[in-house]
Amino acid sequence: MKKAVFKILDMHCTACAMNIDFELEDIEGVKQVKTNYAKAQTEVEYNPNLINEEKIIDAIKKAGYTSTPLKSN
């Protein structure tokens, strides 16, 4: 498993954070998502054999938000 943190540039409320969580949780390979509205970021634990950071960013964009990677391990 791998973890990555993404900066979310255009969240407006806690409902936005929940929308991101719901979008990412349904993706095969994503184990856990924690989106924090106050920090304007989301942390994703995922299986790199099934999904990569680019696909996570695409899913965040599909949910209606812009993101950039901050760190991963």
N, C-alpha and C. Protein backbone atom coordinates (compact mmCIF):
# COMPACT_ATOMS: atom_id res chain seq x y z
N MET A 1 0.84 -1.18 0.00
CA MET A 1 0.00 0.00 0.00
C MET A 1 0.88 1.24 0.00
N LYS A 2 0.34 2.29 -0.55
CA LYS A 2 1.05 3.56 -0.66
C LYS A 2 0.11 4.66 -0.18
N LYS A 3 0.69 5.73 0.37
CA LYS A 3 -0.10 6.89 0.78
C LYS A 3 0.36 8.11 0.01
N ALA A 4 -0.60 8.95 -0.34
CA ALA A 4 -0.30 10.21 -1.02
C ALA A 4 -1.21 11.29 -0.47
N VAL A 5 -0.68 12.51 -0.42
CA VAL A 5 -1.46 13.66 0.04
C VAL A 5 -1.59 14.63 -1.12
N PHE A 6 -2.80 15.13 -1.33
CA PHE A 6 -3.09 16.04 -2.42
C PHE A 6 -3.68 17.33 -1.87
N LYS A 7 -3.21 18.46 -2.37
CA LYS A 7 -3.78 19.77 -2.05
C LYS A 7 -5.04 19.93 -2.90
N ILE A 8 -6.14 20.30 -2.27
CA ILE A 8 -7.40 20.55 -2.98
C ILE A 8 -7.57 22.06 -3.05
N LEU A 9 -7.60 22.59 -4.25
CA LEU A 9 -7.53 24.04 -4.44
C LEU A 9 -8.87 24.77 -4.36
N ASP A 10 -9.98 24.08 -4.52
CA ASP A 10 -11.24 24.81 -4.60
C ASP A 10 -12.38 24.19 -3.80
N MET A 11 -12.08 23.73 -2.60
CA MET A 11 -13.14 23.27 -1.69
C MET A 11 -13.77 24.50 -1.04
N HIS A 12 -15.08 24.48 -0.90
CA HIS A 12 -15.78 25.62 -0.31
C HIS A 12 -16.43 25.32 1.03
N CYS A 13 -16.57 24.02 1.35
CA CYS A 13 -17.26 23.65 2.59
C CYS A 13 -16.97 22.19 2.93
N THR A 14 -17.46 21.75 4.07
CA THR A 14 -17.23 20.36 4.46
C THR A 14 -17.97 19.38 3.55
N ALA A 15 -19.05 19.81 2.93
CA ALA A 15 -19.74 18.94 1.97
C ALA A 15 -18.84 18.65 0.77
N CYS A 16 -18.01 19.60 0.39
CA CYS A 16 -17.05 19.37 -0.69
C CYS A 16 -16.10 18.23 -0.31
N ALA A 17 -15.62 18.26 0.93
CA ALA A 17 -14.72 17.21 1.41
C ALA A 17 -15.41 15.86 1.35
N MET A 18 -16.67 15.80 1.73
CA MET A 18 -17.42 14.55 1.68
C MET A 18 -17.60 14.08 0.24
N ASN A 19 -17.82 15.00 -0.69
CA ASN A 19 -17.96 14.63 -2.10
C ASN A 19 -16.68 13.97 -2.62
N ILE A 20 -15.54 14.52 -2.25
CA ILE A 20 -14.25 13.95 -2.67
C ILE A 20 -14.09 12.55 -2.08
N ASP A 21 -14.38 12.41 -0.79
CA ASP A 21 -14.29 11.10 -0.15
C ASP A 21 -15.16 10.08 -0.87
N PHE A 22 -16.42 10.43 -1.14
CA PHE A 22 -17.33 9.50 -1.80
C PHE A 22 -16.84 9.11 -3.19
N GLU A 23 -16.31 10.07 -3.93
CA GLU A 23 -15.82 9.79 -5.28
C GLU A 23 -14.63 8.83 -5.25
N LEU A 24 -13.70 9.05 -4.33
CA LEU A 24 -12.49 8.24 -4.29
C LEU A 24 -12.70 6.87 -3.66
N GLU A 25 -13.59 6.78 -2.68
CA GLU A 25 -13.81 5.51 -1.99
C GLU A 25 -14.35 4.43 -2.90
N ASP A 26 -15.00 4.80 -3.98
CA ASP A 26 -15.59 3.83 -4.90
C ASP A 26 -14.62 3.31 -5.96
N ILE A 27 -13.39 3.80 -5.94
CA ILE A 27 -12.42 3.41 -6.96
C ILE A 27 -11.68 2.15 -6.52
N GLU A 28 -11.59 1.18 -7.42
CA GLU A 28 -10.84 -0.04 -7.13
C GLU A 28 -9.38 0.30 -6.84
N GLY A 29 -8.87 -0.20 -5.75
CA GLY A 29 -7.48 0.04 -5.37
C GLY A 29 -7.33 1.08 -4.28
N VAL A 30 -8.37 1.88 -4.04
CA VAL A 30 -8.33 2.87 -2.97
C VAL A 30 -8.80 2.20 -1.69
N LYS A 31 -7.92 2.21 -0.68
CA LYS A 31 -8.26 1.57 0.59
C LYS A 31 -8.91 2.55 1.56
N GLN A 32 -8.33 3.76 1.66
CA GLN A 32 -8.84 4.73 2.63
C GLN A 32 -8.64 6.15 2.11
N VAL A 33 -9.60 7.02 2.42
CA VAL A 33 -9.54 8.43 2.03
C VAL A 33 -9.88 9.28 3.24
N LYS A 34 -9.08 10.31 3.47
CA LYS A 34 -9.35 11.26 4.54
C LYS A 34 -9.19 12.66 3.96
N THR A 35 -10.30 13.33 3.71
CA THR A 35 -10.25 14.69 3.19
C THR A 35 -10.51 15.66 4.33
N ASN A 36 -9.65 16.67 4.45
CA ASN A 36 -9.74 17.65 5.52
C ASN A 36 -10.01 19.02 4.92
N TYR A 37 -11.21 19.54 5.16
CA TYR A 37 -11.58 20.85 4.61
C TYR A 37 -10.69 21.96 5.16
N ALA A 38 -10.42 21.96 6.45
CA ALA A 38 -9.63 23.02 7.08
C ALA A 38 -8.21 23.09 6.51
N LYS A 39 -7.64 21.94 6.19
CA LYS A 39 -6.29 21.89 5.62
C LYS A 39 -6.29 21.97 4.10
N ALA A 40 -7.47 21.85 3.51
CA ALA A 40 -7.63 21.85 2.05
C ALA A 40 -6.78 20.76 1.41
N GLN A 41 -6.87 19.56 1.98
CA GLN A 41 -6.11 18.46 1.41
C GLN A 41 -6.82 17.13 1.66
N THR A 42 -6.40 16.14 0.88
CA THR A 42 -6.92 14.79 1.05
C THR A 42 -5.76 13.82 1.08
N GLU A 43 -5.85 12.84 1.96
CA GLU A 43 -4.85 11.79 2.07
C GLU A 43 -5.48 10.50 1.58
N VAL A 44 -4.79 9.82 0.68
CA VAL A 44 -5.32 8.61 0.07
C VAL A 44 -4.35 7.46 0.28
N GLU A 45 -4.86 6.36 0.82
CA GLU A 45 -4.08 5.13 0.91
C GLU A 45 -4.59 4.22 -0.20
N TYR A 46 -3.66 3.73 -1.03
CA TYR A 46 -4.08 2.98 -2.21
C TYR A 46 -3.07 1.91 -2.59
N ASN A 47 -3.54 0.99 -3.42
CA ASN A 47 -2.70 -0.07 -3.95
C ASN A 47 -2.11 0.41 -5.28
N PRO A 48 -0.79 0.63 -5.34
CA PRO A 48 -0.19 1.16 -6.58
C PRO A 48 -0.23 0.17 -7.74
N ASN A 49 -0.56 -1.08 -7.48
CA ASN A 49 -0.71 -2.05 -8.56
C ASN A 49 -2.05 -1.89 -9.28
N LEU A 50 -2.99 -1.20 -8.64
CA LEU A 50 -4.33 -1.05 -9.22
C LEU A 50 -4.65 0.38 -9.65
N ILE A 51 -4.00 1.36 -9.03
CA ILE A 51 -4.30 2.77 -9.33
C ILE A 51 -3.04 3.60 -9.07
N ASN A 52 -2.94 4.74 -9.75
CA ASN A 52 -1.79 5.63 -9.54
C ASN A 52 -2.28 7.04 -9.20
N GLU A 53 -1.32 7.91 -8.87
CA GLU A 53 -1.68 9.27 -8.47
C GLU A 53 -2.39 10.04 -9.57
N GLU A 54 -2.02 9.80 -10.80
CA GLU A 54 -2.68 10.49 -11.92
C GLU A 54 -4.17 10.14 -11.98
N LYS A 55 -4.50 8.88 -11.76
CA LYS A 55 -5.91 8.48 -11.78
C LYS A 55 -6.67 9.05 -10.58
N ILE A 56 -5.98 9.18 -9.45
CA ILE A 56 -6.61 9.79 -8.27
C ILE A 56 -6.91 11.25 -8.56
N ILE A 57 -5.96 11.96 -9.16
CA ILE A 57 -6.17 13.36 -9.51
C ILE A 57 -7.33 13.49 -10.51
N ASP A 58 -7.41 12.57 -11.46
CA ASP A 58 -8.51 12.58 -12.43
C ASP A 58 -9.85 12.37 -11.73
N ALA A 59 -9.90 11.50 -10.73
CA ALA A 59 -11.14 11.25 -9.99
C ALA A 59 -11.54 12.48 -9.19
N ILE A 60 -10.57 13.17 -8.61
CA ILE A 60 -10.86 14.40 -7.87
C ILE A 60 -11.42 15.45 -8.83
N LYS A 61 -10.84 15.52 -10.02
CA LYS A 61 -11.32 16.45 -11.04
C LYS A 61 -12.75 16.09 -11.46
N LYS A 62 -13.03 14.79 -11.59
CA LYS A 62 -14.37 14.32 -11.95
C LYS A 62 -15.39 14.75 -10.89
N ALA A 63 -14.94 14.81 -9.63
CA ALA A 63 -15.83 15.24 -8.54
C ALA A 63 -16.04 16.75 -8.56
N GLY A 64 -15.24 17.47 -9.38
CA GLY A 64 -15.44 18.91 -9.52
C GLY A 64 -14.38 19.78 -8.85
N TYR A 65 -13.23 19.19 -8.52
CA TYR A 65 -12.21 19.94 -7.78
C TYR A 65 -10.85 19.82 -8.46
N THR A 66 -9.99 20.79 -8.20
CA THR A 66 -8.64 20.80 -8.73
C THR A 66 -7.69 20.36 -7.62
N SER A 67 -6.72 19.53 -7.97
CA SER A 67 -5.78 19.07 -6.95
C SER A 67 -4.37 18.98 -7.51
N THR A 68 -3.41 19.03 -6.58
CA THR A 68 -2.01 18.83 -6.91
C THR A 68 -1.40 17.94 -5.84
N PRO A 69 -0.49 17.07 -6.21
CA PRO A 69 0.13 16.20 -5.22
C PRO A 69 1.05 16.99 -4.29
N LEU A 70 1.03 16.67 -3.00
CA LEU A 70 1.91 17.29 -2.01
C LEU A 70 3.06 16.36 -1.64
N LYS A 71 2.72 15.12 -1.28
CA LYS A 71 3.75 14.14 -0.93
C LYS A 71 3.18 12.74 -1.05
N SER A 72 4.08 11.79 -1.16
CA SER A 72 3.66 10.38 -1.19
C SER A 72 4.75 9.52 -0.58
N ASN A 73 4.35 8.35 -0.14
CA ASN A 73 5.31 7.37 0.37
C ASN A 73 4.79 5.97 0.17
